[in-house]
Amino acid sequence: MATTKQRINITVEPDMGEALLASARQDKVPVASKAHDLLRLALEIEEDLAWAKLVNHRLKMKGTLVSHKKTWGLK
């Protein structure tokens, strides 16, 4: 049966591989599953940093601020 997930091949330093293996064993999951979870977490953190950068830029801008409620016509 074909999978809908994309396969990737990565090479890591020996110490990173050992840490990944130890973490997977501790959680009793396959190494690939642990790597997947850690990649997802890293991407979420990267996304949060990008949003924070945008927000900080907008907070420094001069001009009139409009509230969320007023923007969307909420009471």
C-alpha atoms as a PDB file:
ATOM      1  CA  MET A   1       0.000   0.000   0.000  1.00  0.00           C
ATOM      2  CA  ALA A   2       1.388   3.410  -0.961  1.00  0.00           C
ATOM      3  CA  THR A   3       1.947   6.022   1.703  1.00  0.00           C
ATOM      4  CA  THR A   4       0.768   9.612   1.514  1.00  0.00           C
ATOM      5  CA  LYS A   5       3.803  10.788   3.466  1.00  0.00           C
ATOM      6  CA  GLN A   6       6.900  12.066   1.726  1.00  0.00           C
ATOM      7  CA  ARG A   7      10.078  10.172   2.510  1.00  0.00           C
ATOM      8  CA  ILE A   8      13.272  12.105   3.137  1.00  0.00           C
ATOM      9  CA  ASN A   9      16.773  10.902   3.775  1.00  0.00           C
ATOM     10  CA  ILE A  10      18.935  12.859   6.228  1.00  0.00           C
ATOM     11  CA  THR A  11      22.442  12.418   7.551  1.00  0.00           C
ATOM     12  CA  VAL A  12      23.247  13.504  11.098  1.00  0.00           C
ATOM     13  CA  GLU A  13      26.372  13.702  13.184  1.00  0.00           C
ATOM     14  CA  PRO A  14      27.025  10.670  15.412  1.00  0.00           C
ATOM     15  CA  ASP A  15      26.159  12.528  18.626  1.00  0.00           C
ATOM     16  CA  MET A  16      22.865  13.737  17.152  1.00  0.00           C
ATOM     17  CA  GLY A  17      22.018  10.213  16.016  1.00  0.00           C
ATOM     18  CA  GLU A  18      22.754   8.862  19.494  1.00  0.00           C
ATOM     19  CA  ALA A  19      20.605  11.545  21.111  1.00  0.00           C
ATOM     20  CA  LEU A  20      17.762  10.834  18.692  1.00  0.00           C
ATOM     21  CA  LEU A  21      17.989   7.103  19.341  1.00  0.00           C
ATOM     22  CA  ALA A  22      18.061   7.614  23.116  1.00  0.00           C
ATOM     23  CA  SER A  23      15.053   9.930  22.962  1.00  0.00           C
ATOM     24  CA  ALA A  24      13.122   7.476  20.790  1.00  0.00           C
ATOM     25  CA  ARG A  25      13.906   4.608  23.151  1.00  0.00           C
ATOM     26  CA  GLN A  26      12.833   6.679  26.155  1.00  0.00           C
ATOM     27  CA  ASP A  27       9.493   7.428  24.500  1.00  0.00           C
ATOM     28  CA  LYS A  28       9.220   3.864  23.158  1.00  0.00           C
ATOM     29  CA  VAL A  29       8.684   5.033  19.574  1.00  0.00           C
ATOM     30  CA  PRO A  30      10.559   4.348  16.336  1.00  0.00           C
ATOM     31  CA  VAL A  31      13.458   6.689  15.567  1.00  0.00           C
ATOM     32  CA  ALA A  32      11.672   7.902  12.418  1.00  0.00           C
ATOM     33  CA  SER A  33       8.589   8.838  14.460  1.00  0.00           C
ATOM     34  CA  LYS A  34      10.706  10.727  16.979  1.00  0.00           C
ATOM     35  CA  ALA A  35      12.527  12.555  14.169  1.00  0.00           C
ATOM     36  CA  HIS A  36       9.156  13.439  12.613  1.00  0.00           C
ATOM     37  CA  ASP A  37       7.853  14.835  15.904  1.00  0.00           C
ATOM     38  CA  LEU A  38      11.005  16.877  16.477  1.00  0.00           C
ATOM     39  CA  LEU A  39      10.933  18.276  12.930  1.00  0.00           C
ATOM     40  CA  ARG A  40       7.292  19.276  13.380  1.00  0.00           C
ATOM     41  CA  LEU A  41       8.151  21.028  16.661  1.00  0.00           C
ATOM     42  CA  ALA A  42      11.098  22.834  15.049  1.00  0.00           C
ATOM     43  CA  LEU A  43       8.895  24.055  12.187  1.00  0.00           C
ATOM     44  CA  GLU A  44       6.260  25.304  14.640  1.00  0.00           C
ATOM     45  CA  ILE A  45       8.942  27.214  16.558  1.00  0.00           C
ATOM     46  CA  GLU A  46      10.282  28.689  13.323  1.00  0.00           C
ATOM     47  CA  GLU A  47       6.774  29.780  12.348  1.00  0.00           C
ATOM     48  CA  ASP A  48       6.267  31.407  15.767  1.00  0.00           C
ATOM     49  CA  LEU A  49       9.531  33.324  15.329  1.00  0.00           C
ATOM     50  CA  ALA A  50       8.421  34.570  11.908  1.00  0.00           C
ATOM     51  CA  TRP A  51       5.084  35.787  13.309  1.00  0.00           C
ATOM     52  CA  ALA A  52       6.855  37.462  16.244  1.00  0.00           C
ATOM     53  CA  LYS A  53       9.163  39.277  13.819  1.00  0.00           C
ATOM     54  CA  LEU A  54       6.153  40.525  11.840  1.00  0.00           C
ATOM     55  CA  VAL A  55       4.339  41.652  14.988  1.00  0.00           C
ATOM     56  CA  ASN A  56       7.396  43.492  16.300  1.00  0.00           C
ATOM     57  CA  HIS A  57       7.767  45.273  12.971  1.00  0.00           C
ATOM     58  CA  ARG A  58       4.112  46.323  12.980  1.00  0.00           C
ATOM     59  CA  LEU A  59       4.286  47.530  16.596  1.00  0.00           C
ATOM     60  CA  LYS A  60       7.104  49.905  15.619  1.00  0.00           C
ATOM     61  CA  MET A  61       5.073  51.433  12.786  1.00  0.00           C
ATOM     62  CA  LYS A  62       3.581  54.881  13.247  1.00  0.00           C
ATOM     63  CA  GLY A  63      -0.091  55.427  12.610  1.00  0.00           C
ATOM     64  CA  THR A  64      -3.524  54.765  13.993  1.00  0.00           C
ATOM     65  CA  LEU A  65      -4.121  51.371  15.498  1.00  0.00           C
ATOM     66  CA  VAL A  66      -7.462  49.683  14.904  1.00  0.00           C
ATOM     67  CA  SER A  67      -8.710  47.102  17.382  1.00  0.00           C
ATOM     68  CA  HIS A  68      -9.405  43.541  16.335  1.00  0.00           C
ATOM     69  CA  LYS A  69     -13.091  43.915  17.213  1.00  0.00           C
ATOM     70  CA  LYS A  70     -13.474  47.107  15.170  1.00  0.00           C
ATOM     71  CA  THR A  71     -11.634  45.615  12.206  1.00  0.00           C
ATOM     72  CA  TRP A  72     -13.944  42.615  12.023  1.00  0.00           C
ATOM     73  CA  GLY A  73     -17.112  44.450  13.087  1.00  0.00           C
ATOM     74  CA  LEU A  74     -17.444  42.548  16.360  1.00  0.00           C
ATOM     75  CA  LYS A  75     -19.263  43.884  19.421  1.00  0.00           C
END
